[in-house]
């Protein structure tokens, strides 16, 4: 192996945390995340790669109970509108538990920061790379949380304009995620949406090709 590779045990730990990460909706009530652990999670997020080293992420920790309730209200409104948009699957969707905002130990809102348009490096033709960078930060936090034995749920069911106004964000900032973080009863062995029979993941072979767009005959894997 390359001289820069981690040890076998370290590599196994990395692949294990990737495989066992889950999008969590159920949390242990009245639990807490120690301050030092939360600091490690945020530092892991801040260590993410970003295009042009622009570091477009912003993290807002929600500690006010009334504000948490208002955020939950925004999410619940959008949940009902999403159900309406789903048509025939509306009732099936409403039966799903899609967030743990009121139960989780820590609530974070992750946003794209202000002043992003001035960053041209890596974004001239792909301006959405700022969102890709924030997504890397969220994934770092998610994996670090799993290593700490904590669950994370990414909630994207909300009106970004209304949430931004609620949190006093500048006009050119944009919330992209509500993260529920905290101890969980268990980590299921497969994604919750598969357990709930909402959708099923497809194999890697359907997503990998060589030298061009994949054909119906499959890819590399």
Protein backbone atom coordinates (compact mmCIF):
# COMPACT_ATOMS: atom_id res chain seq x y z
CA UNK A 1 0.00 0.00 0.00
CA UNK A 2 0.98 3.63 -0.45
CA UNK A 3 3.17 5.02 2.32
CA UNK A 4 0.51 7.66 3.01
CA UNK A 5 -2.27 5.13 3.61
CA UNK A 6 -3.79 4.75 7.06
CA UNK A 7 -3.47 1.49 8.96
CA UNK A 8 -5.87 -1.34 8.20
CA UNK A 9 -7.86 -0.68 11.39
CA UNK A 10 -8.10 3.03 10.63
CA UNK A 11 -9.27 2.40 7.06
CA UNK A 12 -11.87 -0.05 8.29
CA UNK A 13 -13.18 2.56 10.74
CA UNK A 14 -13.54 5.12 7.93
CA UNK A 15 -15.45 2.74 5.68
CA UNK A 16 -17.56 1.56 8.59
CA UNK A 17 -18.70 5.05 9.56
CA UNK A 18 -19.61 5.74 5.92
CA UNK A 19 -21.60 2.51 5.67
CA UNK A 20 -23.39 2.99 9.00
CA UNK A 21 -24.34 6.66 8.59
CA UNK A 22 -28.10 7.07 8.54
CA UNK A 23 -30.55 9.94 8.08
CA UNK A 24 -32.19 9.86 11.51
CA UNK A 25 -35.68 10.97 12.49
CA UNK A 26 -36.05 9.45 15.96
CA UNK A 27 -34.03 10.78 18.89
CA UNK A 28 -33.71 10.03 22.59
CA UNK A 29 -35.87 12.63 24.39
CA UNK A 30 -34.31 14.97 26.96
CA UNK A 31 -30.80 13.94 25.92
CA UNK A 32 -27.83 16.24 25.45
CA UNK A 33 -24.71 16.58 23.35
CA UNK A 34 -21.67 17.60 25.44
CA UNK A 35 -20.20 20.93 24.43
CA UNK A 36 -16.83 19.42 23.57
CA UNK A 37 -18.45 16.87 21.27
CA UNK A 38 -20.51 19.54 19.51
CA UNK A 39 -17.32 21.57 19.06
CA UNK A 40 -15.63 18.56 17.43
CA UNK A 41 -18.55 18.09 15.06
CA UNK A 42 -18.50 21.72 13.99
CA UNK A 43 -14.73 21.63 13.57
CA UNK A 44 -15.10 18.54 11.37
CA UNK A 45 -17.63 20.41 9.26
CA UNK A 46 -15.33 23.43 9.02
CA UNK A 47 -12.52 21.17 7.79
CA UNK A 48 -14.48 20.33 4.64
CA UNK A 49 -13.11 21.19 1.20
CA UNK A 50 -14.56 24.26 -0.49
CA UNK A 51 -14.16 25.66 -3.98
CA UNK A 52 -11.56 28.41 -4.00
CA UNK A 53 -11.32 28.00 -0.20
CA UNK A 54 -14.39 30.25 0.01
CA UNK A 55 -15.81 28.41 3.05
CA UNK A 56 -19.42 29.34 2.20
CA UNK A 57 -20.99 27.57 5.17
CA UNK A 58 -22.67 29.22 8.14
CA UNK A 59 -23.93 27.28 11.19
CA UNK A 60 -26.68 28.63 13.44
CA UNK A 61 -27.21 26.77 16.71
CA UNK A 62 -30.82 26.98 17.85
CA UNK A 63 -30.98 27.16 21.65
CA UNK A 64 -34.21 29.15 22.08
CA UNK A 65 -37.17 26.79 22.65
CA UNK A 66 -39.69 29.20 21.15
CA UNK A 67 -37.58 29.61 18.03
CA UNK A 68 -37.30 25.83 17.71
CA UNK A 69 -41.10 25.63 17.80
CA UNK A 70 -41.42 28.24 15.07
CA UNK A 71 -38.93 26.37 12.88
CA UNK A 72 -40.93 23.20 13.44
CA UNK A 73 -44.06 25.08 12.39
CA UNK A 74 -42.45 26.11 9.09
CA UNK A 75 -41.41 22.52 8.43
CA UNK A 76 -44.85 21.17 9.25
CA UNK A 77 -46.49 23.65 6.86
CA UNK A 78 -44.19 22.51 4.06
CA UNK A 79 -44.80 18.86 4.98
CA UNK A 80 -48.50 19.35 4.26
CA UNK A 81 -47.79 21.16 0.98
CA UNK A 82 -45.37 18.43 -0.06
CA UNK A 83 -48.03 15.83 0.66
CA UNK A 84 -50.49 17.74 -1.51
CA UNK A 85 -47.95 17.89 -4.35
CA UNK A 86 -47.41 14.12 -4.16
CA UNK A 87 -50.98 13.41 -5.19
CA UNK A 88 -51.70 9.70 -4.99
CA UNK A 89 -48.91 9.12 -2.44
CA UNK A 90 -50.08 11.93 -0.15
CA UNK A 91 -51.43 9.75 2.68
CA UNK A 92 -48.43 7.45 2.45
CA UNK A 93 -46.09 10.43 2.80
CA UNK A 94 -48.00 11.89 5.75
CA UNK A 95 -47.58 8.57 7.58
CA UNK A 96 -43.78 8.94 7.41
CA UNK A 97 -41.81 10.55 10.23
CA UNK A 98 -39.76 13.10 8.32
CA UNK A 99 -38.06 15.11 11.08
CA UNK A 100 -37.08 15.12 14.75
CA UNK A 101 -36.92 18.87 15.38
CA UNK A 102 -38.76 18.83 18.69
CA UNK A 103 -37.00 15.74 20.07
CA UNK A 104 -33.34 16.10 19.07
CA UNK A 105 -30.72 17.31 21.53
CA UNK A 106 -29.23 19.94 19.20
CA UNK A 107 -30.76 21.81 16.29
CA UNK A 108 -28.53 23.47 13.69
CA UNK A 109 -29.45 25.48 10.64
CA UNK A 110 -26.80 25.38 7.92
CA UNK A 111 -26.78 28.17 5.37
CA UNK A 112 -24.91 29.51 2.38
CA UNK A 113 -23.24 32.70 3.52
CA UNK A 114 -23.57 36.20 2.16
CA UNK A 115 -21.27 37.69 -0.46
CA UNK A 116 -20.91 34.47 -2.46
CA UNK A 117 -21.08 36.18 -5.86
CA UNK A 118 -17.69 37.80 -5.37
CA UNK A 119 -16.03 34.36 -5.35
CA UNK A 120 -15.21 33.52 -8.98
CA UNK A 121 -12.48 30.87 -8.55
CA UNK A 122 -14.11 27.54 -9.43
CA UNK A 123 -17.57 29.09 -9.77
CA UNK A 124 -17.48 31.06 -13.03
CA UNK A 125 -19.19 28.28 -14.98
CA UNK A 126 -20.40 26.24 -11.99
CA UNK A 127 -21.83 28.73 -9.47
CA UNK A 128 -23.55 25.87 -7.63
CA UNK A 129 -20.17 24.75 -6.31
CA UNK A 130 -20.83 26.85 -3.22
CA UNK A 131 -23.75 24.54 -2.42
CA UNK A 132 -21.54 21.52 -3.15
CA UNK A 133 -19.01 22.87 -0.66
CA UNK A 134 -21.65 23.31 2.05
CA UNK A 135 -22.84 19.76 1.35
CA UNK A 136 -19.30 18.51 1.99
CA UNK A 137 -19.32 20.31 5.35
CA UNK A 138 -22.63 18.71 6.28
CA UNK A 139 -21.36 15.27 5.31
CA UNK A 140 -18.23 15.78 7.42
CA UNK A 141 -20.40 16.66 10.43
CA UNK A 142 -22.67 13.69 9.73
CA UNK A 143 -19.83 11.18 9.62
CA UNK A 144 -18.15 12.65 12.69
CA UNK A 145 -21.45 12.43 14.55
CA UNK A 146 -21.81 8.76 13.65
CA UNK A 147 -18.30 8.12 14.94
CA UNK A 148 -19.34 9.82 18.20
CA UNK A 149 -22.43 7.58 18.43
CA UNK A 150 -24.82 10.42 17.56
CA UNK A 151 -27.51 10.58 14.92
CA UNK A 152 -28.09 13.35 12.40
CA UNK A 153 -31.23 14.05 10.39
CA UNK A 154 -31.07 16.43 7.42
CA UNK A 155 -34.41 18.25 7.09
CA UNK A 156 -34.96 19.98 3.75
CA UNK A 157 -38.73 20.42 3.98
CA UNK A 158 -39.01 24.17 4.51
CA UNK A 159 -39.43 27.45 2.65
CA UNK A 160 -35.88 28.91 2.55
CA UNK A 161 -37.09 32.50 2.26
CA UNK A 162 -39.30 32.27 5.35
CA UNK A 163 -36.65 30.43 7.37
CA UNK A 164 -34.03 32.99 6.35
CA UNK A 165 -36.32 35.81 7.47
CA UNK A 166 -37.04 34.08 10.76
CA UNK A 167 -33.32 33.84 11.49
CA UNK A 168 -32.46 37.34 10.31
CA UNK A 169 -30.28 36.24 7.41
CA UNK A 170 -29.09 38.83 4.88
CA UNK A 171 -30.85 38.75 1.51
CA UNK A 172 -27.96 37.02 -0.28
CA UNK A 173 -27.62 34.24 2.31
CA UNK A 174 -29.70 31.09 2.01
CA UNK A 175 -30.57 28.26 4.43
CA UNK A 176 -30.01 24.83 2.91
CA UNK A 177 -30.43 22.40 5.82
CA UNK A 178 -31.97 21.98 9.23
CA UNK A 179 -29.88 19.40 11.08
CA UNK A 180 -31.30 17.42 13.99
CA UNK A 181 -28.41 16.09 16.08
CA UNK A 182 -28.34 13.92 19.17
CA UNK A 183 -28.43 10.49 20.78
CA UNK A 184 -30.75 8.04 19.03
CA UNK A 185 -32.42 4.81 20.17
CA UNK A 186 -30.64 2.79 17.48
CA UNK A 187 -29.02 2.95 14.07
CA UNK A 188 -31.04 0.85 11.61
CA UNK A 189 -29.15 -1.46 9.28
CA UNK A 190 -30.61 0.22 6.19
CA UNK A 191 -32.11 3.59 5.26
CA UNK A 192 -35.38 4.51 6.96
CA UNK A 193 -37.12 5.16 3.63
CA UNK A 194 -36.35 1.59 2.63
CA UNK A 195 -37.69 0.30 5.95
CA UNK A 196 -40.83 2.37 5.39
CA UNK A 197 -41.02 1.04 1.80
CA UNK A 198 -41.12 4.55 0.37
CA UNK A 199 -38.19 4.02 -2.00
CA UNK A 200 -35.32 1.58 -2.42
CA UNK A 201 -31.69 2.33 -3.20
CA UNK A 202 -30.23 1.16 -6.50
CA UNK A 203 -26.88 -0.64 -6.92
CA UNK A 204 -23.64 1.19 -7.68
CA UNK A 205 -23.33 -0.51 -11.08
CA UNK A 206 -26.20 1.62 -12.38
CA UNK A 207 -24.28 4.81 -11.66
CA UNK A 208 -20.76 4.14 -12.99
CA UNK A 209 -19.61 4.18 -16.62
CA UNK A 210 -16.41 4.61 -18.60
CA UNK A 211 -15.53 7.19 -21.26
CA UNK A 212 -19.07 8.44 -21.67
CA UNK A 213 -22.63 8.44 -20.47
CA UNK A 214 -23.76 5.01 -19.18
CA UNK A 215 -25.69 2.73 -21.49
CA UNK A 216 -28.52 0.44 -20.47
CA UNK A 217 -26.04 -2.46 -20.44
CA UNK A 218 -24.39 -1.24 -17.23
CA UNK A 219 -21.16 0.32 -16.09
CA UNK A 220 -17.85 -0.62 -14.49
CA UNK A 221 -18.88 -2.17 -11.19
